[in-house]
Amino acid sequence: MPNKYPTIYRKHVYTLLRDIFDNSEFQVDKTTDTDGFTGIAKNYYFRGESKKYEYRTPSLYLNESLTRKGSEYYYRTLLNELGEDDYRESASLVRLISKLQHYGAKTRMLDITRSPLIALFFAVEKDDSDSGFVYIYEGREGQEKFDTGHTVAIKSALNLISQEVINKFYASIETLREKYSADWENIRRLSVEEMRIDTRFKDEVDTLETFMELLNQRAKVREILRFPFKIYEDLNVAHIVLPSKATDRIRQQQGAFIYPKYVCTKNKSHREIMMEIDTSIYTLMTEMTTKQTQKEREAYNFSVIEIKPENKKVIRKELHQLGITQGFIYPDIEHQSRGLLD
């Protein structure tokens, strides 16, 4: 729930922006190596939610059936109904899912934005009887992923593999990790071909080969994916993804995504699965600090900004004055018209 994060309360756009910009001086981690000063740039990302939700959860995980069975049939049917061609390469699949996300399809990605104003719009656009929330995340150069990279290709490809196959893959890896924990650093570097000729792995190698074969078919990356343990480790981490600005919505909203960890769903309740997803997303949250002012004599740490119900209308008006309207956020005729009427 939002109150598990350090939270401040704001009534106006300018105070919210002030708190964020006051932290801009901390956007570089200062480290020193043998060659002298080096800086690791940090980028802030934001997510607006118009009411209190217990978990930050991508829309697909809210549907228990899709969560447990996997989404291949759902996506294949959706693409067929839309008349979309099958994808030819990994980036095409990632961009296709990004596009579908912005038009209401269920995905395993969580929308975020580089703009605090866009996040604030989503926090106050509706649900006037509830508080809205802006959540703050941090990405660092070298850790953010692009939609042309292998990590995003692999996570996207799993949308087209049954959850049962994924669960078996997870179970095999975890069995091996427990069995050979003393030699794990060496084992985790093995390719599936190397495992095939090592008799220690005869009970698990068939499962891993089946998974890797399907993954290569679905991911469609240029190089053959060979290292199951490294893939497992990548799947267990949440990533910030910087998508190609392929649609007007993504451009206008300065959109990015969080791809949370993939979860083994076997022997877990739906609630436990959502908690695990939320926990992985939580690792990307950052903490800012307010500056002391005459009005606020104490500094506060915060990862969330809450807007009370009585302040939503005022902030909507302020955003409108700044040009952040429905027509700006959703650059299509329907929303342009609705924005003018509002």
C-alpha atoms as a PDB file:
ATOM      1  CA  MET A   1       0.000   0.000   0.000  1.00  0.00           C
ATOM      2  CA  PRO A   2       1.196   3.584  -0.611  1.00  0.00           C
ATOM      3  CA  ASN A   3       1.714   4.297   3.084  1.00  0.00           C
ATOM      4  CA  LYS A   4       4.564   1.779   3.234  1.00  0.00           C
ATOM      5  CA  TYR A   5       6.642   4.297   1.249  1.00  0.00           C
ATOM      6  CA  PRO A   6       7.871   7.636   2.696  1.00  0.00           C
ATOM      7  CA  THR A   7       5.218  10.097   1.526  1.00  0.00           C
ATOM      8  CA  ILE A   8       4.747  13.863   1.348  1.00  0.00           C
ATOM      9  CA  TYR A   9       1.512  15.728   0.576  1.00  0.00           C
ATOM     10  CA  ARG A  10       1.273  18.491  -2.022  1.00  0.00           C
ATOM     11  CA  LYS A  11      -1.534  20.871  -3.056  1.00  0.00           C
ATOM     12  CA  HIS A  12      -0.055  22.606  -6.118  1.00  0.00           C
ATOM     13  CA  VAL A  13       1.991  21.814  -9.197  1.00  0.00           C
ATOM     14  CA  TYR A  14       4.787  24.247  -8.376  1.00  0.00           C
ATOM     15  CA  THR A  15       5.511  22.810  -4.912  1.00  0.00           C
ATOM     16  CA  LEU A  16       5.610  19.288  -6.316  1.00  0.00           C
ATOM     17  CA  LEU A  17       8.028  20.341  -9.056  1.00  0.00           C
ATOM     18  CA  ARG A  18      10.136  22.283  -6.563  1.00  0.00           C
ATOM     19  CA  ASP A  19      10.613  19.177  -4.427  1.00  0.00           C
ATOM     20  CA  ILE A  20      11.720  17.157  -7.450  1.00  0.00           C
ATOM     21  CA  PHE A  21      14.025  19.801  -8.923  1.00  0.00           C
ATOM     22  CA  ASP A  22      15.592  20.436  -5.521  1.00  0.00           C
ATOM     23  CA  ASN A  23      16.953  16.919  -5.817  1.00  0.00           C
ATOM     24  CA  SER A  24      18.466  17.429  -9.276  1.00  0.00           C
ATOM     25  CA  GLU A  25      21.898  18.048  -7.758  1.00  0.00           C
ATOM     26  CA  PHE A  26      21.942  14.402  -6.711  1.00  0.00           C
ATOM     27  CA  GLN A  27      21.426  13.073 -10.233  1.00  0.00           C
ATOM     28  CA  VAL A  28      25.059  11.998 -10.509  1.00  0.00           C
ATOM     29  CA  ASP A  29      26.690   9.458  -8.235  1.00  0.00           C
ATOM     30  CA  LYS A  30      30.210  10.734  -7.615  1.00  0.00           C
ATOM     31  CA  THR A  31      32.805   7.981  -7.562  1.00  0.00           C
ATOM     32  CA  THR A  32      36.561   8.017  -7.950  1.00  0.00           C
ATOM     33  CA  ASP A  33      38.623   5.394  -9.722  1.00  0.00           C
ATOM     34  CA  THR A  34      42.325   5.131 -10.578  1.00  0.00           C
ATOM     35  CA  ASP A  35      41.861   7.605 -13.433  1.00  0.00           C
ATOM     36  CA  GLY A  36      40.189  10.213 -11.241  1.00  0.00           C
ATOM     37  CA  PHE A  37      36.574  11.365 -11.055  1.00  0.00           C
ATOM     38  CA  THR A  38      33.846   9.436 -12.861  1.00  0.00           C
ATOM     39  CA  GLY A  39      30.127  10.081 -12.709  1.00  0.00           C
ATOM     40  CA  ILE A  40      27.234   7.652 -13.073  1.00  0.00           C
ATOM     41  CA  ALA A  41      24.211   9.564 -14.327  1.00  0.00           C
ATOM     42  CA  LYS A  42      20.864   8.862 -12.699  1.00  0.00           C
ATOM     43  CA  ASN A  43      17.507   9.404 -14.359  1.00  0.00           C
ATOM     44  CA  TYR A  44      14.214   9.852 -12.549  1.00  0.00           C
ATOM     45  CA  TYR A  45      10.954   8.279 -13.680  1.00  0.00           C
ATOM     46  CA  PHE A  46       7.435   8.787 -12.391  1.00  0.00           C
ATOM     47  CA  ARG A  47       4.130   6.947 -12.259  1.00  0.00           C
ATOM     48  CA  GLY A  48       0.770   8.528 -11.456  1.00  0.00           C
ATOM     49  CA  GLU A  49      -2.159   6.570 -10.026  1.00  0.00           C
ATOM     50  CA  SER A  50      -5.509   8.233  -9.363  1.00  0.00           C
ATOM     51  CA  LYS A  51      -6.396   6.151  -6.299  1.00  0.00           C
ATOM     52  CA  LYS A  52      -4.852   3.800  -3.756  1.00  0.00           C
ATOM     53  CA  TYR A  53      -3.907   0.359  -5.047  1.00  0.00           C
ATOM     54  CA  GLU A  54      -2.280  -2.215  -2.829  1.00  0.00           C
ATOM     55  CA  TYR A  55       0.386  -3.185  -5.356  1.00  0.00           C
ATOM     56  CA  ARG A  56       2.147  -1.672  -8.368  1.00  0.00           C
ATOM     57  CA  THR A  57       1.132  -4.412 -10.770  1.00  0.00           C
ATOM     58  CA  PRO A  58       1.120  -4.574 -14.597  1.00  0.00           C
ATOM     59  CA  SER A  59      -2.364  -5.177 -15.981  1.00  0.00           C
ATOM     60  CA  LEU A  60      -1.784  -8.769 -17.096  1.00  0.00           C
ATOM     61  CA  TYR A  61      -1.045  -9.894 -13.538  1.00  0.00           C
ATOM     62  CA  LEU A  62      -4.404  -8.552 -12.387  1.00  0.00           C
ATOM     63  CA  ASN A  63      -6.006 -11.313 -14.474  1.00  0.00           C
ATOM     64  CA  GLU A  64      -5.456 -14.595 -12.654  1.00  0.00           C
ATOM     65  CA  SER A  65      -6.212 -16.769 -15.679  1.00  0.00           C
ATOM     66  CA  LEU A  66      -3.617 -15.028 -17.883  1.00  0.00           C
ATOM     67  CA  THR A  67      -1.142 -15.083 -15.003  1.00  0.00           C
ATOM     68  CA  ARG A  68      -1.430 -18.839 -14.541  1.00  0.00           C
ATOM     69  CA  LYS A  69      -1.800 -20.047 -18.136  1.00  0.00           C
ATOM     70  CA  GLY A  70       0.468 -17.583 -19.899  1.00  0.00           C
ATOM     71  CA  SER A  71      -0.490 -15.072 -22.559  1.00  0.00           C
ATOM     72  CA  GLU A  72       0.406 -16.731 -25.875  1.00  0.00           C
ATOM     73  CA  TYR A  73      -3.182 -17.504 -26.922  1.00  0.00           C
ATOM     74  CA  TYR A  74      -4.317 -14.042 -25.809  1.00  0.00           C
ATOM     75  CA  TYR A  75      -1.659 -12.257 -27.893  1.00  0.00           C
ATOM     76  CA  ARG A  76      -1.986 -14.521 -30.931  1.00  0.00           C
ATOM     77  CA  THR A  77      -5.753 -13.969 -30.963  1.00  0.00           C
ATOM     78  CA  LEU A  78      -5.410 -10.223 -30.400  1.00  0.00           C
ATOM     79  CA  LEU A  79      -2.920  -9.819 -33.259  1.00  0.00           C
ATOM     80  CA  ASN A  80      -5.128 -11.905 -35.517  1.00  0.00           C
ATOM     81  CA  GLU A  81      -8.194  -9.768 -34.732  1.00  0.00           C
ATOM     82  CA  LEU A  82      -6.213  -6.571 -35.366  1.00  0.00           C
ATOM     83  CA  GLY A  83      -4.856  -7.883 -38.662  1.00  0.00           C
ATOM     84  CA  GLU A  84      -1.266  -7.501 -37.461  1.00  0.00           C
ATOM     85  CA  ASP A  85       1.455  -9.525 -39.181  1.00  0.00           C
ATOM     86  CA  ASP A  86       3.584 -11.847 -37.091  1.00  0.00           C
ATOM     87  CA  TYR A  87       6.741 -10.145 -35.881  1.00  0.00           C
ATOM     88  CA  ARG A  88      10.010 -10.779 -37.734  1.00  0.00           C
ATOM     89  CA  GLU A  89      12.562  -9.762 -35.112  1.00  0.00           C
ATOM     90  CA  SER A  90      12.789  -9.153 -31.368  1.00  0.00           C
ATOM     91  CA  ALA A  91      12.428  -5.355 -31.545  1.00  0.00           C
ATOM     92  CA  SER A  92       9.228  -5.738 -33.580  1.00  0.00           C
ATOM     93  CA  LEU A  93       7.637  -7.828 -30.807  1.00  0.00           C
ATOM     94  CA  VAL A  94       8.673  -5.391 -28.064  1.00  0.00           C
ATOM     95  CA  ARG A  95       7.310  -2.402 -29.981  1.00  0.00           C
ATOM     96  CA  LEU A  96       4.132  -4.255 -30.817  1.00  0.00           C
ATOM     97  CA  ILE A  97       3.480  -5.026 -27.143  1.00  0.00           C
ATOM     98  CA  SER A  98       4.308  -1.392 -26.234  1.00  0.00           C
ATOM     99  CA  LYS A  99       1.785  -0.208 -28.807  1.00  0.00           C
ATOM    100  CA  LEU A 100      -0.881  -2.615 -27.556  1.00  0.00           C
ATOM    101  CA  GLN A 101      -0.218  -1.485 -23.974  1.00  0.00           C
ATOM    102  CA  HIS A 102      -1.113   2.100 -24.845  1.00  0.00           C
ATOM    103  CA  TYR A 103      -4.408   0.964 -26.333  1.00  0.00           C
ATOM    104  CA  GLY A 104      -5.569  -1.030 -23.330  1.00  0.00           C
ATOM    105  CA  ALA A 105      -4.167  -4.527 -23.937  1.00  0.00           C
ATOM    106  CA  LYS A 106      -3.030  -6.559 -20.932  1.00  0.00           C
ATOM    107  CA  THR A 107       0.767  -6.669 -20.630  1.00  0.00           C
ATOM    108  CA  ARG A 108       3.518  -7.498 -18.157  1.00  0.00           C
ATOM    109  CA  MET A 109       4.907  -3.943 -18.361  1.00  0.00           C
ATOM    110  CA  LEU A 110       4.158  -1.050 -16.025  1.00  0.00           C
ATOM    111  CA  ASP A 111       3.838   2.423 -17.564  1.00  0.00           C
ATOM    112  CA  ILE A 112       6.144   5.140 -16.248  1.00  0.00           C
ATOM    113  CA  THR A 113       7.200   8.515 -17.655  1.00  0.00           C
ATOM    114  CA  ARG A 114      10.205  10.841 -17.638  1.00  0.00           C
ATOM    115  CA  SER A 115       7.874  13.772 -16.917  1.00  0.00           C
ATOM    116  CA  PRO A 116       6.528  14.474 -13.411  1.00  0.00           C
ATOM    117  CA  LEU A 117       3.777  16.581 -15.025  1.00  0.00           C
ATOM    118  CA  ILE A 118       2.511  13.620 -17.042  1.00  0.00           C
ATOM    119  CA  ALA A 119       2.533  11.422 -13.927  1.00  0.00           C
ATOM    120  CA  LEU A 120       0.699  14.149 -12.012  1.00  0.00           C
ATOM    121  CA  PHE A 121      -1.972  14.290 -14.736  1.00  0.00           C
ATOM    122  CA  PHE A 122      -2.691  10.579 -14.262  1.00  0.00           C
ATOM    123  CA  ALA A 123      -2.730  11.038 -10.484  1.00  0.00           C
ATOM    124  CA  VAL A 124      -5.487  13.674 -10.604  1.00  0.00           C
ATOM    125  CA  GLU A 125      -7.417  12.965 -13.815  1.00  0.00           C
ATOM    126  CA  LYS A 126     -10.260  11.036 -12.110  1.00  0.00           C
ATOM    127  CA  ASP A 127     -11.465   9.424  -8.869  1.00  0.00           C
ATOM    128  CA  ASP A 128     -12.031  12.766  -7.163  1.00  0.00           C
ATOM    129  CA  SER A 129     -13.153  11.113  -3.928  1.00  0.00           C
ATOM    130  CA  ASP A 130      -9.766   9.364  -3.556  1.00  0.00           C
ATOM    131  CA  SER A 131      -6.201  10.550  -3.073  1.00  0.00           C
ATOM    132  CA  GLY A 132      -3.890  10.380  -6.080  1.00  0.00           C
ATOM    133  CA  PHE A 133      -0.262   9.281  -5.932  1.00  0.00           C
ATOM    134  CA  VAL A 134       2.967   9.966  -7.840  1.00  0.00           C
ATOM    135  CA  TYR A 135       5.599   7.242  -7.409  1.00  0.00           C
ATOM    136  CA  ILE A 136       9.259   8.003  -8.120  1.00  0.00           C
ATOM    137  CA  TYR A 137      11.764   5.560  -9.650  1.00  0.00           C
ATOM    138  CA  GLU A 138      15.426   5.766 -10.517  1.00  0.00           C
ATOM    139  CA  GLY A 139      17.374   4.419 -13.470  1.00  0.00           C
ATOM    140  CA  ARG A 140      21.138   4.564 -13.989  1.00  0.00           C
ATOM    141  CA  GLU A 141      23.158   4.651 -17.165  1.00  0.00           C
ATOM    142  CA  GLY A 142      24.086   1.142 -18.187  1.00  0.00           C
ATOM    143  CA  GLN A 143      21.250  -0.417 -16.194  1.00  0.00           C
ATOM    144  CA  GLU A 144      18.354   0.917 -18.261  1.00  0.00           C
ATOM    145  CA  LYS A 145      17.401  -1.359 -21.152  1.00  0.00           C
ATOM    146  CA  PHE A 146      16.507  -0.512 -24.752  1.00  0.00           C
ATOM    147  CA  ASP A 147      13.881  -2.379 -26.745  1.00  0.00           C
ATOM    148  CA  THR A 148      16.559  -3.601 -29.151  1.00  0.00           C
ATOM    149  CA  GLY A 149      18.520  -5.449 -26.445  1.00  0.00           C
ATOM    150  CA  HIS A 150      18.567  -9.119 -25.476  1.00  0.00           C
ATOM    151  CA  THR A 151      17.116  -8.666 -21.979  1.00  0.00           C
ATOM    152  CA  VAL A 152      13.938  -7.024 -23.239  1.00  0.00           C
ATOM    153  CA  ALA A 153      13.721  -9.470 -26.173  1.00  0.00           C
ATOM    154  CA  ILE A 154      13.841 -12.405 -23.750  1.00  0.00           C
ATOM    155  CA  LYS A 155      11.262 -10.959 -21.354  1.00  0.00           C
ATOM    156  CA  SER A 156       8.950 -10.107 -24.250  1.00  0.00           C
ATOM    157  CA  ALA A 157       9.350 -13.553 -25.837  1.00  0.00           C
ATOM    158  CA  LEU A 158       8.108 -15.182 -22.633  1.00  0.00           C
ATOM    159  CA  ASN A 159       4.717 -13.632 -23.383  1.00  0.00           C
ATOM    160  CA  LEU A 160       4.470 -16.261 -26.122  1.00  0.00           C
ATOM    161  CA  ILE A 161       5.538 -19.268 -24.041  1.00  0.00           C
ATOM    162  CA  SER A 162       3.158 -21.140 -21.753  1.00  0.00           C
ATOM    163  CA  GLN A 163       3.515 -20.496 -18.044  1.00  0.00           C
ATOM    164  CA  GLU A 164       3.832 -24.252 -17.453  1.00  0.00           C
ATOM    165  CA  VAL A 165       7.028 -24.361 -19.552  1.00  0.00           C
ATOM    166  CA  ILE A 166       8.396 -21.318 -17.699  1.00  0.00           C
ATOM    167  CA  ASN A 167       7.582 -22.887 -14.319  1.00  0.00           C
ATOM    168  CA  LYS A 168       9.418 -26.092 -15.260  1.00  0.00           C
ATOM    169  CA  PHE A 169      12.438 -24.041 -16.357  1.00  0.00           C
ATOM    170  CA  TYR A 170      12.474 -22.187 -13.032  1.00  0.00           C
ATOM    171  CA  ALA A 171      12.114 -25.436 -11.070  1.00  0.00           C
ATOM    172  CA  SER A 172      15.045 -27.058 -12.910  1.00  0.00           C
ATOM    173  CA  ILE A 173      17.348 -24.085 -12.368  1.00  0.00           C
ATOM    174  CA  GLU A 174      16.460 -23.829  -8.687  1.00  0.00           C
ATOM    175  CA  THR A 175      16.986 -27.567  -8.189  1.00  0.00           C
ATOM    176  CA  LEU A 176      20.451 -27.303  -9.720  1.00  0.00           C
ATOM    177  CA  ARG A 177      21.314 -24.217  -7.701  1.00  0.00           C
ATOM    178  CA  GLU A 178      20.398 -25.991  -4.480  1.00  0.00           C
ATOM    179  CA  LYS A 179      22.171 -29.221  -5.474  1.00  0.00           C
ATOM    180  CA  TYR A 180      25.417 -27.588  -6.578  1.00  0.00           C
ATOM    181  CA  SER A 181      25.537 -24.435  -4.468  1.00  0.00           C
ATOM    182  CA  ALA A 182      29.241 -24.927  -3.701  1.00  0.00           C
ATOM    183  CA  ASP A 183      30.122 -24.867  -7.411  1.00  0.00           C
ATOM    184  CA  TRP A 184      27.446 -22.397  -8.505  1.00  0.00           C
ATOM    185  CA  GLU A 185      29.833 -19.720  -9.803  1.00  0.00           C
ATOM    186  CA  ASN A 186      31.198 -22.179 -12.373  1.00  0.00           C
ATOM    187  CA  ILE A 187      27.884 -23.838 -13.220  1.00  0.00           C
ATOM    188  CA  ARG A 188      26.041 -20.564 -13.877  1.00  0.00           C
ATOM    189  CA  ARG A 189      28.421 -19.876 -16.790  1.00  0.00           C
ATOM    190  CA  LEU A 190      27.599 -23.129 -18.624  1.00  0.00           C
ATOM    191  CA  SER A 191      25.765 -23.211 -21.933  1.00  0.00           C
ATOM    192  CA  VAL A 192      23.008 -25.749 -22.527  1.00  0.00           C
ATOM    193  CA  GLU A 193      25.314 -27.606 -24.947  1.00  0.00           C
ATOM    194  CA  GLU A 194      27.957 -27.939 -22.230  1.00  0.00           C
ATOM    195  CA  MET A 195      25.330 -29.237 -19.829  1.00  0.00           C
ATOM    196  CA  ARG A 196      24.287 -31.925 -22.305  1.00  0.00           C
ATOM    197  CA  ILE A 197      27.707 -33.593 -22.135  1.00  0.00           C
ATOM    198  CA  ASP A 198      27.942 -33.359 -18.330  1.00  0.00           C
ATOM    199  CA  THR A 199      26.279 -36.382 -16.712  1.00  0.00           C
ATOM    200  CA  ARG A 200      25.513 -34.421 -13.524  1.00  0.00           C
ATOM    201  CA  PHE A 201      22.704 -32.612 -15.319  1.00  0.00           C
ATOM    202  CA  LYS A 202      20.968 -35.525 -17.082  1.00  0.00           C
ATOM    203  CA  ASP A 203      17.734 -35.136 -15.062  1.00  0.00           C
ATOM    204  CA  GLU A 204      17.300 -31.422 -15.838  1.00  0.00           C
ATOM    205  CA  VAL A 205      18.888 -30.879 -19.239  1.00  0.00           C
ATOM    206  CA  ASP A 206      15.855 -31.962 -21.292  1.00  0.00           C
ATOM    207  CA  THR A 207      13.658 -29.360 -19.575  1.00  0.00           C
ATOM    208  CA  LEU A 208      16.265 -26.641 -20.063  1.00  0.00           C
ATOM    209  CA  GLU A 209      16.776 -27.548 -23.736  1.00  0.00           C
ATOM    210  CA  THR A 210      13.021 -27.449 -24.401  1.00  0.00           C
ATOM    211  CA  PHE A 211      12.776 -24.011 -22.820  1.00  0.00           C
ATOM    212  CA  MET A 212      15.840 -22.635 -24.641  1.00  0.00           C
ATOM    213  CA  GLU A 213      14.603 -23.942 -27.983  1.00  0.00           C
ATOM    214  CA  LEU A 214      11.220 -22.253 -27.524  1.00  0.00           C
ATOM    215  CA  LEU A 215      12.884 -19.076 -26.292  1.00  0.00           C
ATOM    216  CA  ASN A 216      15.098 -18.864 -29.373  1.00  0.00           C
ATOM    217  CA  GLN A 217      12.094 -19.406 -31.629  1.00  0.00           C
ATOM    218  CA  ARG A 218      10.085 -16.658 -29.918  1.00  0.00           C
ATOM    219  CA  ALA A 219      12.839 -14.117 -29.177  1.00  0.00           C
ATOM    220  CA  LYS A 220      14.179 -13.990 -32.745  1.00  0.00           C
ATOM    221  CA  VAL A 221      17.464 -12.364 -31.777  1.00  0.00           C
ATOM    222  CA  ARG A 222      20.433 -12.580 -34.146  1.00  0.00           C
ATOM    223  CA  GLU A 223      22.631 -14.714 -31.898  1.00  0.00           C
ATOM    224  CA  ILE A 224      21.494 -18.058 -30.501  1.00  0.00           C
ATOM    225  CA  LEU A 225      20.677 -17.842 -26.788  1.00  0.00           C
ATOM    226  CA  ARG A 226      22.740 -20.529 -25.039  1.00  0.00           C
ATOM    227  CA  PHE A 227      23.127 -19.714 -21.341  1.00  0.00           C
ATOM    228  CA  PRO A 228      20.068 -20.730 -19.283  1.00  0.00           C
ATOM    229  CA  PHE A 229      21.449 -19.697 -15.887  1.00  0.00           C
ATOM    230  CA  LYS A 230      22.246 -16.157 -16.988  1.00  0.00           C
ATOM    231  CA  ILE A 231      18.775 -15.890 -18.534  1.00  0.00           C
ATOM    232  CA  TYR A 232      17.253 -17.067 -15.247  1.00  0.00           C
ATOM    233  CA  GLU A 233      19.183 -14.380 -13.341  1.00  0.00           C
ATOM    234  CA  ASP A 234      18.046 -11.672 -15.779  1.00  0.00           C
ATOM    235  CA  LEU A 235      14.424 -12.784 -15.506  1.00  0.00           C
ATOM    236  CA  ASN A 236      14.556 -12.394 -11.732  1.00  0.00           C
ATOM    237  CA  VAL A 237      15.334  -8.665 -11.839  1.00  0.00           C
ATOM    238  CA  ALA A 238      13.061  -5.711 -12.646  1.00  0.00           C
ATOM    239  CA  HIS A 239      14.304  -3.401 -15.430  1.00  0.00           C
ATOM    240  CA  ILE A 240      13.471   0.069 -16.672  1.00  0.00           C
ATOM    241  CA  VAL A 241      12.911  -0.100 -20.431  1.00  0.00           C
ATOM    242  CA  LEU A 242      13.334   2.838 -22.810  1.00  0.00           C
ATOM    243  CA  PRO A 243      11.095   2.057 -25.780  1.00  0.00           C
ATOM    244  CA  SER A 244      11.343   3.375 -29.301  1.00  0.00           C
ATOM    245  CA  LYS A 245       9.077   6.421 -29.673  1.00  0.00           C
ATOM    246  CA  ALA A 246       6.999   4.522 -32.222  1.00  0.00           C
ATOM    247  CA  THR A 247       3.598   6.055 -31.394  1.00  0.00           C
ATOM    248  CA  ASP A 248       2.310   9.574 -30.742  1.00  0.00           C
ATOM    249  CA  ARG A 249       1.195   8.547 -27.262  1.00  0.00           C
ATOM    250  CA  ILE A 250       4.623   7.313 -26.206  1.00  0.00           C
ATOM    251  CA  ARG A 251       6.202  10.516 -27.538  1.00  0.00           C
ATOM    252  CA  GLN A 252       3.694  12.836 -25.897  1.00  0.00           C
ATOM    253  CA  GLN A 253       3.755  10.991 -22.589  1.00  0.00           C
ATOM    254  CA  GLN A 254       7.578  10.643 -22.595  1.00  0.00           C
ATOM    255  CA  GLY A 255       6.812   7.020 -21.944  1.00  0.00           C
ATOM    256  CA  ALA A 256       9.002   4.275 -20.557  1.00  0.00           C
ATOM    257  CA  PHE A 257       8.189   0.951 -18.898  1.00  0.00           C
ATOM    258  CA  ILE A 258       9.156  -1.183 -15.978  1.00  0.00           C
ATOM    259  CA  TYR A 259       9.485  -4.856 -16.862  1.00  0.00           C
ATOM    260  CA  PRO A 260       9.247  -6.575 -13.450  1.00  0.00           C
ATOM    261  CA  LYS A 261      10.802  -9.926 -12.672  1.00  0.00           C
ATOM    262  CA  TYR A 262       9.199 -13.036 -14.081  1.00  0.00           C
ATOM    263  CA  VAL A 263       7.582 -15.187 -11.417  1.00  0.00           C
ATOM    264  CA  CYS A 264       7.234 -18.936 -11.101  1.00  0.00           C
ATOM    265  CA  THR A 265       3.504 -19.291 -10.397  1.00  0.00           C
ATOM    266  CA  LYS A 266       3.473 -22.913  -9.228  1.00  0.00           C
ATOM    267  CA  ASN A 267       2.110 -23.445  -5.697  1.00  0.00           C
ATOM    268  CA  LYS A 268       1.554 -19.691  -5.189  1.00  0.00           C
ATOM    269  CA  SER A 269      -1.696 -17.842  -4.641  1.00  0.00           C
ATOM    270  CA  HIS A 270      -2.624 -15.014  -6.985  1.00  0.00           C
ATOM    271  CA  ARG A 271      -1.984 -12.556  -4.162  1.00  0.00           C
ATOM    272  CA  GLU A 272       1.494 -14.011  -3.530  1.00  0.00           C
ATOM    273  CA  ILE A 273       2.336 -13.629  -7.221  1.00  0.00           C
ATOM    274  CA  MET A 274       1.265  -9.978  -7.224  1.00  0.00           C
ATOM    275  CA  MET A 275       3.246  -9.326  -4.037  1.00  0.00           C
ATOM    276  CA  GLU A 276       6.367 -10.774  -5.652  1.00  0.00           C
ATOM    277  CA  ILE A 277       5.896  -8.599  -8.746  1.00  0.00           C
ATOM    278  CA  ASP A 278       5.358  -5.510  -6.573  1.00  0.00           C
ATOM    279  CA  THR A 279       8.484  -6.273  -4.531  1.00  0.00           C
ATOM    280  CA  SER A 280      10.638  -6.446  -7.669  1.00  0.00           C
ATOM    281  CA  ILE A 281       9.275  -3.095  -8.883  1.00  0.00           C
ATOM    282  CA  TYR A 282       9.902  -1.607  -5.443  1.00  0.00           C
ATOM    283  CA  THR A 283      13.660  -2.199  -5.887  1.00  0.00           C
ATOM    284  CA  LEU A 284      13.643   0.550  -8.553  1.00  0.00           C
ATOM    285  CA  MET A 285      12.102   3.195  -6.293  1.00  0.00           C
ATOM    286  CA  THR A 286      14.265   6.073  -5.151  1.00  0.00           C
ATOM    287  CA  GLU A 287      14.151   8.398  -2.177  1.00  0.00           C
ATOM    288  CA  MET A 288      14.291  12.192  -2.402  1.00  0.00           C
ATOM    289  CA  THR A 289      14.583  14.808   0.349  1.00  0.00           C
ATOM    290  CA  THR A 290      12.663  18.063   0.731  1.00  0.00           C
ATOM    291  CA  LYS A 291      14.531  21.264   1.528  1.00  0.00           C
ATOM    292  CA  GLN A 292      13.810  23.197   4.661  1.00  0.00           C
ATOM    293  CA  THR A 293      11.727  26.338   4.129  1.00  0.00           C
ATOM    294  CA  GLN A 294      10.157  28.943   6.383  1.00  0.00           C
ATOM    295  CA  LYS A 295       6.880  27.048   6.140  1.00  0.00           C
ATOM    296  CA  GLU A 296       8.363  23.556   6.438  1.00  0.00           C
ATOM    297  CA  ARG A 297      11.188  23.771   8.927  1.00  0.00           C
ATOM    298  CA  GLU A 298      11.946  20.078   8.800  1.00  0.00           C
ATOM    299  CA  ALA A 299      13.303  18.098   5.833  1.00  0.00           C
ATOM    300  CA  TYR A 300      11.424  14.957   4.828  1.00  0.00           C
ATOM    301  CA  ASN A 301      12.436  11.933   2.806  1.00  0.00           C
ATOM    302  CA  PHE A 302       9.909  10.814   0.206  1.00  0.00           C
ATOM    303  CA  SER A 303       9.399   8.261  -2.566  1.00  0.00           C
ATOM    304  CA  VAL A 304       5.727   9.077  -3.099  1.00  0.00           C
ATOM    305  CA  ILE A 305       3.810  12.347  -3.429  1.00  0.00           C
ATOM    306  CA  GLU A 306       0.163  12.163  -2.358  1.00  0.00           C
ATOM    307  CA  ILE A 307      -2.526  14.543  -3.602  1.00  0.00           C
ATOM    308  CA  LYS A 308      -5.589  14.689  -1.360  1.00  0.00           C
ATOM    309  CA  PRO A 309      -9.055  14.534  -3.027  1.00  0.00           C
ATOM    310  CA  GLU A 310      -9.817  18.192  -2.289  1.00  0.00           C
ATOM    311  CA  ASN A 311      -6.696  19.299  -4.199  1.00  0.00           C
ATOM    312  CA  LYS A 312      -7.235  17.334  -7.419  1.00  0.00           C
ATOM    313  CA  LYS A 313      -9.433  19.902  -9.152  1.00  0.00           C
ATOM    314  CA  VAL A 314      -6.998  22.757  -8.423  1.00  0.00           C
ATOM    315  CA  ILE A 315      -4.070  20.776  -9.793  1.00  0.00           C
ATOM    316  CA  ARG A 316      -6.051  19.826 -12.929  1.00  0.00           C
ATOM    317  CA  LYS A 317      -6.613  23.526 -13.590  1.00  0.00           C
ATOM    318  CA  GLU A 318      -2.927  24.301 -13.045  1.00  0.00           C
ATOM    319  CA  LEU A 319      -1.910  21.494 -15.403  1.00  0.00           C
ATOM    320  CA  HIS A 320      -4.359  22.831 -17.988  1.00  0.00           C
ATOM    321  CA  GLN A 321      -2.667  26.235 -17.805  1.00  0.00           C
ATOM    322  CA  LEU A 322       0.626  24.450 -18.539  1.00  0.00           C
ATOM    323  CA  GLY A 323      -0.887  22.679 -21.558  1.00  0.00           C
ATOM    324  CA  ILE A 324      -1.083  19.253 -19.891  1.00  0.00           C
ATOM    325  CA  THR A 325      -4.584  18.299 -21.022  1.00  0.00           C
ATOM    326  CA  GLN A 326      -6.372  15.192 -22.282  1.00  0.00           C
ATOM    327  CA  GLY A 327      -5.717  16.339 -25.826  1.00  0.00           C
ATOM    328  CA  PHE A 328      -1.982  16.599 -25.093  1.00  0.00           C
ATOM    329  CA  ILE A 329      -1.734  13.255 -23.289  1.00  0.00           C
ATOM    330  CA  TYR A 330      -3.858  11.366 -25.830  1.00  0.00           C
ATOM    331  CA  PRO A 331      -3.159  12.941 -29.253  1.00  0.00           C
ATOM    332  CA  ASP A 332      -6.159  11.507 -31.117  1.00  0.00           C
ATOM    333  CA  ILE A 333      -9.370  13.131 -32.351  1.00  0.00           C
ATOM    334  CA  GLU A 334     -11.596  11.604 -29.658  1.00  0.00           C
ATOM    335  CA  HIS A 335      -9.490  12.885 -26.762  1.00  0.00           C
ATOM    336  CA  GLN A 336      -8.752  16.227 -28.430  1.00  0.00           C
ATOM    337  CA  SER A 337     -12.503  16.786 -28.723  1.00  0.00           C
ATOM    338  CA  ARG A 338     -13.212  15.644 -25.173  1.00  0.00           C
ATOM    339  CA  GLY A 339     -10.446  17.889 -23.848  1.00  0.00           C
ATOM    340  CA  LEU A 340     -11.933  20.928 -25.586  1.00  0.00           C
ATOM    341  CA  LEU A 341     -15.404  20.165 -24.221  1.00  0.00           C
ATOM    342  CA  ASP A 342     -14.028  19.761 -20.696  1.00  0.00           C
END
